[in-house]
Amino acid sequence: MSFNSFISELAETNNVLESFVDFKKVSMNVDKVSIHLNQLNYLLGKKNLNAAIATLFKHDKECFSVRIIF
C-alpha cells in the first residue's frame, strides 16, 4: 500500500488524544523514573557496553530497577 493510498483512507474524527491517554498519570509515572532513565542514557553510544554497565551498576544499581508499565 502506498503512503498516498493510506492517507486517503483515513477518516476524520472528533476524538482527541486525551480520550485515549491519561496524561496526568503519564506525567506522574515519568516523574517517578526520570532520574533513573537519565542515568541509563549514560549507556548510549558506549563502545564497551559491558564495562559501562558495570560502572553504572557500581555507582547506582537502582537505575536498573526501572520498569515500563502500560
Protein backbone atom coordinates (compact mmCIF):
# COMPACT_ATOMS: atom_id res chain seq x y z
CA MET A 1 0.00 0.00 0.00
CA SER A 2 1.39 3.40 -0.89
CA PHE A 3 1.52 6.29 1.55
CA ASN A 4 -0.96 8.33 -0.51
CA SER A 5 -3.40 5.43 -0.54
CA PHE A 6 -3.04 5.03 3.23
CA ILE A 7 -3.63 8.74 3.86
CA SER A 8 -6.68 8.81 1.58
CA GLU A 9 -8.32 6.04 3.64
CA LEU A 10 -8.02 7.82 6.97
CA ALA A 11 -11.24 9.16 8.41
CA GLU A 12 -11.66 12.40 10.33
CA THR A 13 -12.69 12.04 13.96
CA ASN A 14 -13.68 14.27 16.82
CA ASN A 15 -11.71 12.15 19.28
CA VAL A 16 -8.78 13.86 20.92
CA LEU A 17 -5.69 12.20 22.31
CA GLU A 18 -6.91 12.85 25.85
CA SER A 19 -9.70 10.35 25.15
CA PHE A 20 -7.09 7.59 24.97
CA VAL A 21 -4.29 8.80 27.28
CA ASP A 22 -4.38 9.87 30.92
CA PHE A 23 -1.67 12.49 30.66
CA LYS A 24 -1.76 13.27 34.39
CA LYS A 25 -0.98 9.62 35.15
CA VAL A 26 1.73 9.53 32.47
CA SER A 27 3.34 12.65 33.93
CA MET A 28 3.34 11.19 37.45
CA ASN A 29 4.88 7.93 36.22
CA VAL A 30 7.58 9.71 34.22
CA ASP A 31 8.47 11.84 37.22
CA LYS A 32 9.00 8.67 39.27
CA VAL A 33 11.59 7.23 36.87
CA SER A 34 13.08 10.21 35.02
CA ILE A 35 16.31 10.36 37.06
CA HIS A 36 16.92 6.64 36.54
CA LEU A 37 16.20 6.96 32.82
CA ASN A 38 18.71 9.79 32.55
CA GLN A 39 21.29 7.62 34.29
CA LEU A 40 20.59 4.80 31.82
CA ASN A 41 21.14 7.27 28.98
CA TYR A 42 24.79 7.23 30.04
CA LEU A 43 24.99 3.84 28.33
CA LEU A 44 24.00 5.15 24.89
CA GLY A 45 26.85 5.10 22.43
CA LYS A 46 29.37 3.43 24.75
CA LYS A 47 31.89 1.35 22.80
CA ASN A 48 32.42 -1.05 25.69
CA LEU A 49 28.85 -1.52 26.86
CA ASN A 50 29.67 -4.29 29.35
CA ALA A 51 32.21 -2.09 31.16
CA ALA A 52 29.82 0.88 31.11
CA ILE A 53 27.02 -1.25 32.60
CA ALA A 54 29.35 -2.48 35.33
CA THR A 55 30.43 1.08 36.12
CA LEU A 56 26.85 2.35 36.28
CA PHE A 57 25.78 -0.64 38.37
CA LYS A 58 28.56 0.05 40.89
CA HIS A 59 27.57 3.71 41.02
CA ASP A 60 23.80 3.25 41.37
CA LYS A 61 22.16 -0.12 40.84
CA GLU A 62 18.72 1.38 41.50
CA CYS A 63 18.61 2.83 37.97
CA PHE A 64 18.30 -0.73 36.66
CA SER A 65 15.02 -1.16 38.54
CA VAL A 66 13.06 0.97 36.05
CA ARG A 67 10.03 -0.82 34.67
CA ILE A 68 7.78 0.49 31.95
CA ILE A 69 4.13 -0.27 32.69
CA PHE A 70 1.46 0.13 30.02
